[in-house]
Amino acid sequence: MQPIRITAFFSLVLCLFFQPLASQTPSLRLSKRYGGSSDDRLRSVIQLANGNYICAGNTSSSDGQSTGTHGLSDFLLTCTSNQGDVIWTKTIGGTNDDGQNWSGSSEALSQTNDGGFFFAGTASSNNGDI
């Protein structure tokens, strides 16, 4: 009998709340999964001025939304509508581990004044689209 293998998904359990986090428990409006079948991790989510969400993390998958990977692990950026539908996905990386050791101190995802966003991260590759 084959052992059951449990893998982590880019488990964006996209929690869109009706009210700001205060002293009350927010209501869960939506829960979705993105990524592939290997080790994928959500690290940051921001909401843009147009209501869409940018989700950033890393992926070791080459299936699901994690297609186009270049090496051991890559950064994964996914844009979703406020309903959780995927608008676009982008993997960024080279042949080494990129984004795998996300500490939160050297990576950044932030909205810009013009309604866009920027992403910066630490990579160990010097090829691919790094």
N, C-alpha and C. Protein backbone atom coordinates (compact mmCIF):
# COMPACT_ATOMS: atom_id res chain seq x y z
N MET A 1 0.84 -1.18 0.00
CA MET A 1 0.00 0.00 0.00
C MET A 1 0.88 1.25 0.00
N GLN A 2 0.60 2.18 -0.88
CA GLN A 2 1.37 3.41 -1.00
C GLN A 2 1.08 4.33 0.18
N PRO A 3 2.13 4.96 0.76
CA PRO A 3 1.86 5.94 1.82
C PRO A 3 1.20 7.18 1.23
N ILE A 4 0.40 7.82 2.01
CA ILE A 4 -0.26 9.04 1.57
C ILE A 4 0.73 10.19 1.74
N ARG A 5 0.90 10.97 0.67
CA ARG A 5 1.82 12.10 0.70
C ARG A 5 1.01 13.38 0.80
N ILE A 6 1.26 14.13 1.83
CA ILE A 6 0.56 15.39 2.02
C ILE A 6 1.53 16.50 1.63
N THR A 7 1.10 17.37 0.73
CA THR A 7 1.93 18.49 0.32
C THR A 7 1.23 19.79 0.64
N ALA A 8 2.03 20.80 0.83
CA ALA A 8 1.48 22.12 1.13
C ALA A 8 1.13 22.81 -0.18
N PHE A 9 0.02 23.45 -0.24
CA PHE A 9 -0.38 24.23 -1.39
C PHE A 9 -0.07 25.69 -1.13
N PHE A 10 -0.05 26.48 -2.17
CA PHE A 10 0.07 27.93 -2.05
C PHE A 10 -1.24 28.34 -1.43
N SER A 11 -1.47 27.81 -0.29
CA SER A 11 -2.78 27.82 0.34
C SER A 11 -3.23 29.22 0.62
N LEU A 12 -3.47 29.90 -0.43
CA LEU A 12 -4.10 31.17 -0.20
C LEU A 12 -5.50 30.80 0.19
N VAL A 13 -5.69 30.81 1.45
CA VAL A 13 -7.06 30.70 1.91
C VAL A 13 -7.44 32.17 1.94
N LEU A 14 -7.81 32.62 0.77
CA LEU A 14 -8.06 34.04 0.56
C LEU A 14 -9.23 34.46 1.42
N CYS A 15 -8.90 35.11 2.48
CA CYS A 15 -9.92 35.51 3.44
C CYS A 15 -10.27 36.97 3.18
N LEU A 16 -11.36 37.17 2.55
CA LEU A 16 -11.85 38.52 2.32
C LEU A 16 -12.90 38.79 3.38
N PHE A 17 -12.71 39.84 4.10
CA PHE A 17 -13.56 40.12 5.22
C PHE A 17 -14.49 41.29 4.93
N PHE A 18 -15.67 41.24 5.50
CA PHE A 18 -16.63 42.32 5.36
C PHE A 18 -16.27 43.54 6.19
N GLN A 19 -15.53 43.34 7.25
CA GLN A 19 -15.23 44.45 8.15
C GLN A 19 -13.76 44.41 8.53
N PRO A 20 -13.20 45.54 8.91
CA PRO A 20 -11.79 45.55 9.32
C PRO A 20 -11.61 44.72 10.59
N LEU A 21 -10.38 44.23 10.73
CA LEU A 21 -10.08 43.48 11.94
C LEU A 21 -10.07 44.45 13.12
N ALA A 22 -10.94 44.26 14.02
CA ALA A 22 -11.01 45.08 15.23
C ALA A 22 -11.19 44.12 16.38
N SER A 23 -12.07 44.45 17.26
CA SER A 23 -12.31 43.57 18.40
C SER A 23 -13.29 42.45 18.05
N GLN A 24 -13.95 42.55 16.90
CA GLN A 24 -14.91 41.53 16.49
C GLN A 24 -14.25 40.52 15.57
N THR A 25 -14.75 39.32 15.58
CA THR A 25 -14.26 38.30 14.67
C THR A 25 -14.87 38.55 13.29
N PRO A 26 -14.02 38.68 12.25
CA PRO A 26 -14.55 38.96 10.92
C PRO A 26 -15.26 37.74 10.33
N SER A 27 -16.12 38.00 9.38
CA SER A 27 -16.84 36.93 8.69
C SER A 27 -16.03 36.48 7.48
N LEU A 28 -15.86 35.21 7.30
CA LEU A 28 -15.18 34.66 6.14
C LEU A 28 -16.12 34.75 4.96
N ARG A 29 -15.67 35.39 3.88
CA ARG A 29 -16.49 35.57 2.70
C ARG A 29 -16.10 34.62 1.57
N LEU A 30 -14.84 34.22 1.53
CA LEU A 30 -14.35 33.43 0.41
C LEU A 30 -13.11 32.66 0.84
N SER A 31 -13.00 31.43 0.37
CA SER A 31 -11.82 30.61 0.62
C SER A 31 -11.47 29.89 -0.67
N LYS A 32 -10.24 30.07 -1.16
CA LYS A 32 -9.80 29.45 -2.42
C LYS A 32 -8.38 28.92 -2.24
N ARG A 33 -8.01 27.99 -3.10
CA ARG A 33 -6.65 27.45 -3.13
C ARG A 33 -6.03 27.76 -4.48
N TYR A 34 -4.76 28.15 -4.44
CA TYR A 34 -4.01 28.44 -5.65
C TYR A 34 -2.67 27.72 -5.55
N GLY A 35 -2.03 27.49 -6.68
CA GLY A 35 -0.71 26.88 -6.68
C GLY A 35 -0.76 25.52 -7.34
N GLY A 36 0.20 24.68 -6.97
CA GLY A 36 0.32 23.36 -7.57
C GLY A 36 0.34 22.28 -6.52
N SER A 37 0.93 21.14 -6.89
CA SER A 37 0.87 19.97 -6.03
C SER A 37 2.10 19.78 -5.15
N SER A 38 3.06 20.68 -5.22
CA SER A 38 4.27 20.54 -4.40
C SER A 38 4.25 21.57 -3.27
N ASP A 39 5.41 21.98 -2.83
CA ASP A 39 5.52 22.88 -1.68
C ASP A 39 5.39 24.33 -2.14
N ASP A 40 4.23 24.92 -1.96
CA ASP A 40 3.93 26.28 -2.36
C ASP A 40 3.47 27.05 -1.13
N ARG A 41 3.99 28.27 -0.96
CA ARG A 41 3.69 29.01 0.27
C ARG A 41 3.29 30.44 -0.02
N LEU A 42 2.21 30.84 0.57
CA LEU A 42 1.75 32.23 0.50
C LEU A 42 2.52 33.03 1.55
N ARG A 43 3.02 34.19 1.15
CA ARG A 43 3.78 35.03 2.08
C ARG A 43 3.16 36.39 2.32
N SER A 44 2.46 36.93 1.33
CA SER A 44 1.92 38.27 1.49
C SER A 44 0.75 38.48 0.54
N VAL A 45 -0.23 39.26 0.98
CA VAL A 45 -1.39 39.62 0.15
C VAL A 45 -1.66 41.10 0.36
N ILE A 46 -1.87 41.82 -0.75
CA ILE A 46 -2.29 43.21 -0.66
C ILE A 46 -3.50 43.40 -1.56
N GLN A 47 -4.34 44.35 -1.22
CA GLN A 47 -5.47 44.70 -2.08
C GLN A 47 -5.12 45.98 -2.81
N LEU A 48 -5.28 45.97 -4.12
CA LEU A 48 -5.01 47.14 -4.94
C LEU A 48 -6.20 48.09 -4.92
N ALA A 49 -5.98 49.31 -5.39
CA ALA A 49 -7.04 50.33 -5.41
C ALA A 49 -8.23 49.89 -6.26
N ASN A 50 -8.00 49.05 -7.28
CA ASN A 50 -9.10 48.59 -8.14
C ASN A 50 -9.88 47.43 -7.55
N GLY A 51 -9.52 46.99 -6.34
CA GLY A 51 -10.24 45.91 -5.67
C GLY A 51 -9.62 44.54 -5.87
N ASN A 52 -8.70 44.40 -6.83
CA ASN A 52 -8.02 43.12 -7.05
C ASN A 52 -7.00 42.88 -5.94
N TYR A 53 -6.58 41.63 -5.81
CA TYR A 53 -5.58 41.25 -4.82
C TYR A 53 -4.32 40.74 -5.52
N ILE A 54 -3.16 41.09 -4.99
CA ILE A 54 -1.89 40.53 -5.41
C ILE A 54 -1.43 39.62 -4.29
N CYS A 55 -1.15 38.37 -4.63
CA CYS A 55 -0.72 37.36 -3.67
C CYS A 55 0.71 36.98 -4.04
N ALA A 56 1.62 37.01 -3.10
CA ALA A 56 3.01 36.70 -3.35
C ALA A 56 3.46 35.56 -2.45
N GLY A 57 4.30 34.71 -3.00
CA GLY A 57 4.85 33.60 -2.24
C GLY A 57 5.91 32.90 -3.05
N ASN A 58 6.13 31.65 -2.74
CA ASN A 58 7.09 30.87 -3.51
C ASN A 58 6.50 29.51 -3.84
N THR A 59 7.03 28.91 -4.91
CA THR A 59 6.52 27.63 -5.38
C THR A 59 7.65 26.69 -5.76
N SER A 60 7.45 25.42 -5.49
CA SER A 60 8.32 24.35 -5.99
C SER A 60 7.54 23.48 -6.96
N SER A 61 6.32 23.88 -7.29
CA SER A 61 5.45 23.11 -8.19
C SER A 61 5.70 23.49 -9.63
N SER A 62 5.25 22.63 -10.52
CA SER A 62 5.29 22.94 -11.96
C SER A 62 3.93 22.65 -12.58
N ASP A 63 2.89 22.64 -11.76
CA ASP A 63 1.54 22.40 -12.25
C ASP A 63 0.59 23.39 -11.59
N GLY A 64 -0.69 23.31 -11.89
CA GLY A 64 -1.65 24.26 -11.34
C GLY A 64 -1.34 25.67 -11.84
N GLN A 65 -1.44 26.66 -10.96
CA GLN A 65 -1.08 28.03 -11.33
C GLN A 65 0.43 28.23 -11.34
N SER A 66 1.19 27.23 -10.95
CA SER A 66 2.64 27.35 -10.82
C SER A 66 3.37 26.87 -12.06
N THR A 67 2.80 27.04 -13.23
CA THR A 67 3.48 26.63 -14.45
C THR A 67 4.52 27.67 -14.83
N GLY A 68 5.53 27.25 -15.57
CA GLY A 68 6.57 28.16 -16.00
C GLY A 68 7.69 28.32 -15.00
N THR A 69 7.80 27.37 -14.05
CA THR A 69 8.88 27.45 -13.07
C THR A 69 10.21 27.16 -13.76
N HIS A 70 11.29 27.70 -13.18
CA HIS A 70 12.61 27.62 -13.81
C HIS A 70 13.57 26.69 -13.08
N GLY A 71 13.36 26.44 -11.81
CA GLY A 71 14.35 25.68 -11.06
C GLY A 71 13.78 25.07 -9.81
N LEU A 72 14.59 25.06 -8.76
CA LEU A 72 14.21 24.40 -7.51
C LEU A 72 13.00 25.06 -6.88
N SER A 73 13.02 26.37 -6.75
CA SER A 73 11.85 27.12 -6.27
C SER A 73 11.89 28.51 -6.88
N ASP A 74 10.74 29.07 -7.11
CA ASP A 74 10.60 30.40 -7.72
C ASP A 74 9.61 31.22 -6.93
N PHE A 75 9.67 32.53 -7.14
CA PHE A 75 8.64 33.40 -6.60
C PHE A 75 7.36 33.16 -7.40
N LEU A 76 6.23 33.28 -6.75
CA LEU A 76 4.94 33.13 -7.42
C LEU A 76 4.09 34.35 -7.09
N LEU A 77 3.68 35.08 -8.12
CA LEU A 77 2.79 36.22 -7.97
C LEU A 77 1.48 35.88 -8.67
N THR A 78 0.38 36.07 -7.98
CA THR A 78 -0.94 35.79 -8.55
C THR A 78 -1.84 36.99 -8.29
N CYS A 79 -2.52 37.43 -9.34
CA CYS A 79 -3.49 38.51 -9.21
C CYS A 79 -4.88 37.90 -9.30
N THR A 80 -5.72 38.21 -8.33
CA THR A 80 -7.09 37.69 -8.33
C THR A 80 -8.08 38.85 -8.28
N SER A 81 -9.27 38.58 -8.73
CA SER A 81 -10.35 39.56 -8.57
C SER A 81 -10.79 39.55 -7.12
N ASN A 82 -11.66 40.47 -6.77
CA ASN A 82 -12.15 40.48 -5.39
C ASN A 82 -13.09 39.31 -5.11
N GLN A 83 -13.42 38.54 -6.15
CA GLN A 83 -14.20 37.31 -6.00
C GLN A 83 -13.31 36.07 -5.93
N GLY A 84 -11.97 36.27 -6.06
CA GLY A 84 -11.04 35.16 -5.97
C GLY A 84 -10.69 34.50 -7.29
N ASP A 85 -11.21 35.01 -8.41
CA ASP A 85 -10.89 34.44 -9.72
C ASP A 85 -9.50 34.88 -10.15
N VAL A 86 -8.70 33.95 -10.65
CA VAL A 86 -7.34 34.27 -11.09
C VAL A 86 -7.40 35.12 -12.35
N ILE A 87 -6.73 36.27 -12.30
CA ILE A 87 -6.62 37.16 -13.46
C ILE A 87 -5.32 36.85 -14.19
N TRP A 88 -4.22 36.73 -13.46
CA TRP A 88 -2.94 36.33 -14.05
C TRP A 88 -2.04 35.75 -12.96
N THR A 89 -1.06 34.99 -13.40
CA THR A 89 -0.07 34.39 -12.53
C THR A 89 1.29 34.53 -13.18
N LYS A 90 2.32 34.81 -12.40
CA LYS A 90 3.68 34.94 -12.90
C LYS A 90 4.63 34.25 -11.96
N THR A 91 5.48 33.37 -12.50
CA THR A 91 6.58 32.80 -11.72
C THR A 91 7.84 33.54 -12.13
N ILE A 92 8.69 33.83 -11.14
CA ILE A 92 9.93 34.55 -11.38
C ILE A 92 11.04 33.78 -10.69
N GLY A 93 12.08 33.44 -11.45
CA GLY A 93 13.19 32.74 -10.84
C GLY A 93 14.17 32.20 -11.86
N GLY A 94 15.20 31.55 -11.35
CA GLY A 94 16.22 30.90 -12.15
C GLY A 94 16.34 29.45 -11.72
N THR A 95 17.51 28.87 -11.93
CA THR A 95 17.68 27.45 -11.67
C THR A 95 17.94 27.11 -10.20
N ASN A 96 18.22 28.08 -9.36
CA ASN A 96 18.46 27.83 -7.93
C ASN A 96 17.20 28.09 -7.11
N ASP A 97 17.36 28.08 -5.79
CA ASP A 97 16.25 28.40 -4.88
C ASP A 97 16.03 29.90 -4.85
N ASP A 98 14.89 30.34 -5.28
CA ASP A 98 14.54 31.75 -5.26
C ASP A 98 13.25 31.91 -4.47
N GLY A 99 13.29 32.66 -3.41
CA GLY A 99 12.11 32.88 -2.60
C GLY A 99 11.85 31.80 -1.57
N GLN A 100 12.60 30.73 -1.58
CA GLN A 100 12.35 29.62 -0.67
C GLN A 100 12.60 30.00 0.78
N ASN A 101 13.58 30.84 1.02
CA ASN A 101 13.94 31.20 2.40
C ASN A 101 13.38 32.55 2.78
N TRP A 102 12.14 32.79 2.39
CA TRP A 102 11.47 34.07 2.66
C TRP A 102 11.41 34.31 4.15
N SER A 103 12.01 35.38 4.57
CA SER A 103 12.02 35.69 6.01
C SER A 103 11.07 36.82 6.36
N GLY A 104 10.59 37.53 5.37
CA GLY A 104 9.72 38.66 5.64
C GLY A 104 10.50 39.95 5.84
N SER A 105 11.81 39.84 6.05
CA SER A 105 12.60 41.05 6.28
C SER A 105 13.28 41.55 5.01
N SER A 106 13.54 40.68 4.07
CA SER A 106 14.24 41.12 2.86
C SER A 106 13.35 41.06 1.62
N GLU A 107 12.10 40.70 1.76
CA GLU A 107 11.16 40.68 0.65
C GLU A 107 10.06 41.69 0.91
N ALA A 108 9.53 42.24 -0.17
CA ALA A 108 8.51 43.27 0.01
C ALA A 108 7.47 43.18 -1.09
N LEU A 109 6.23 43.39 -0.73
CA LEU A 109 5.11 43.52 -1.65
C LEU A 109 4.33 44.72 -1.17
N SER A 110 4.20 45.73 -2.02
CA SER A 110 3.53 46.95 -1.58
C SER A 110 2.85 47.63 -2.76
N GLN A 111 1.77 48.32 -2.47
CA GLN A 111 1.06 49.07 -3.50
C GLN A 111 1.78 50.38 -3.74
N THR A 112 1.78 50.83 -4.99
CA THR A 112 2.37 52.11 -5.35
C THR A 112 1.29 53.17 -5.42
N ASN A 113 1.69 54.42 -5.45
CA ASN A 113 0.74 55.54 -5.48
C ASN A 113 -0.14 55.55 -6.72
N ASP A 114 0.34 54.97 -7.82
CA ASP A 114 -0.43 54.98 -9.06
C ASP A 114 -1.38 53.79 -9.18
N GLY A 115 -1.55 53.01 -8.10
CA GLY A 115 -2.48 51.88 -8.10
C GLY A 115 -1.85 50.56 -8.48
N GLY A 116 -0.58 50.57 -8.90
CA GLY A 116 0.14 49.34 -9.21
C GLY A 116 0.75 48.75 -7.94
N PHE A 117 1.79 47.96 -8.11
CA PHE A 117 2.47 47.38 -6.96
C PHE A 117 3.92 47.12 -7.31
N PHE A 118 4.74 46.93 -6.30
CA PHE A 118 6.10 46.46 -6.54
C PHE A 118 6.36 45.26 -5.66
N PHE A 119 7.24 44.41 -6.15
CA PHE A 119 7.65 43.21 -5.43
C PHE A 119 9.16 43.14 -5.48
N ALA A 120 9.77 42.85 -4.38
CA ALA A 120 11.22 42.67 -4.31
C ALA A 120 11.50 41.46 -3.44
N GLY A 121 12.49 40.67 -3.82
CA GLY A 121 12.80 39.48 -3.05
C GLY A 121 14.25 39.08 -3.21
N THR A 122 14.68 38.17 -2.40
CA THR A 122 16.04 37.66 -2.42
C THR A 122 16.10 36.40 -3.26
N ALA A 123 17.02 36.38 -4.21
CA ALA A 123 17.17 35.23 -5.10
C ALA A 123 18.59 34.70 -5.04
N SER A 124 18.76 33.42 -5.25
CA SER A 124 20.11 32.86 -5.32
C SER A 124 20.51 32.49 -6.74
N SER A 125 19.63 32.73 -7.71
CA SER A 125 19.92 32.46 -9.13
C SER A 125 20.51 33.70 -9.79
N ASN A 126 21.21 33.47 -10.88
CA ASN A 126 21.68 34.57 -11.71
C ASN A 126 21.34 34.32 -13.18
N ASN A 127 20.27 33.55 -13.38
CA ASN A 127 19.79 33.25 -14.73
C ASN A 127 18.27 33.22 -14.72
N GLY A 128 17.64 32.71 -15.76
CA GLY A 128 16.19 32.72 -15.85
C GLY A 128 15.72 34.14 -16.03
N ASP A 129 14.70 34.57 -15.30
CA ASP A 129 14.26 35.96 -15.41
C ASP A 129 14.59 36.75 -14.15
N ILE A 130 15.70 36.39 -13.52
CA ILE A 130 16.22 37.14 -12.34
C ILE A 130 17.15 38.21 -12.84
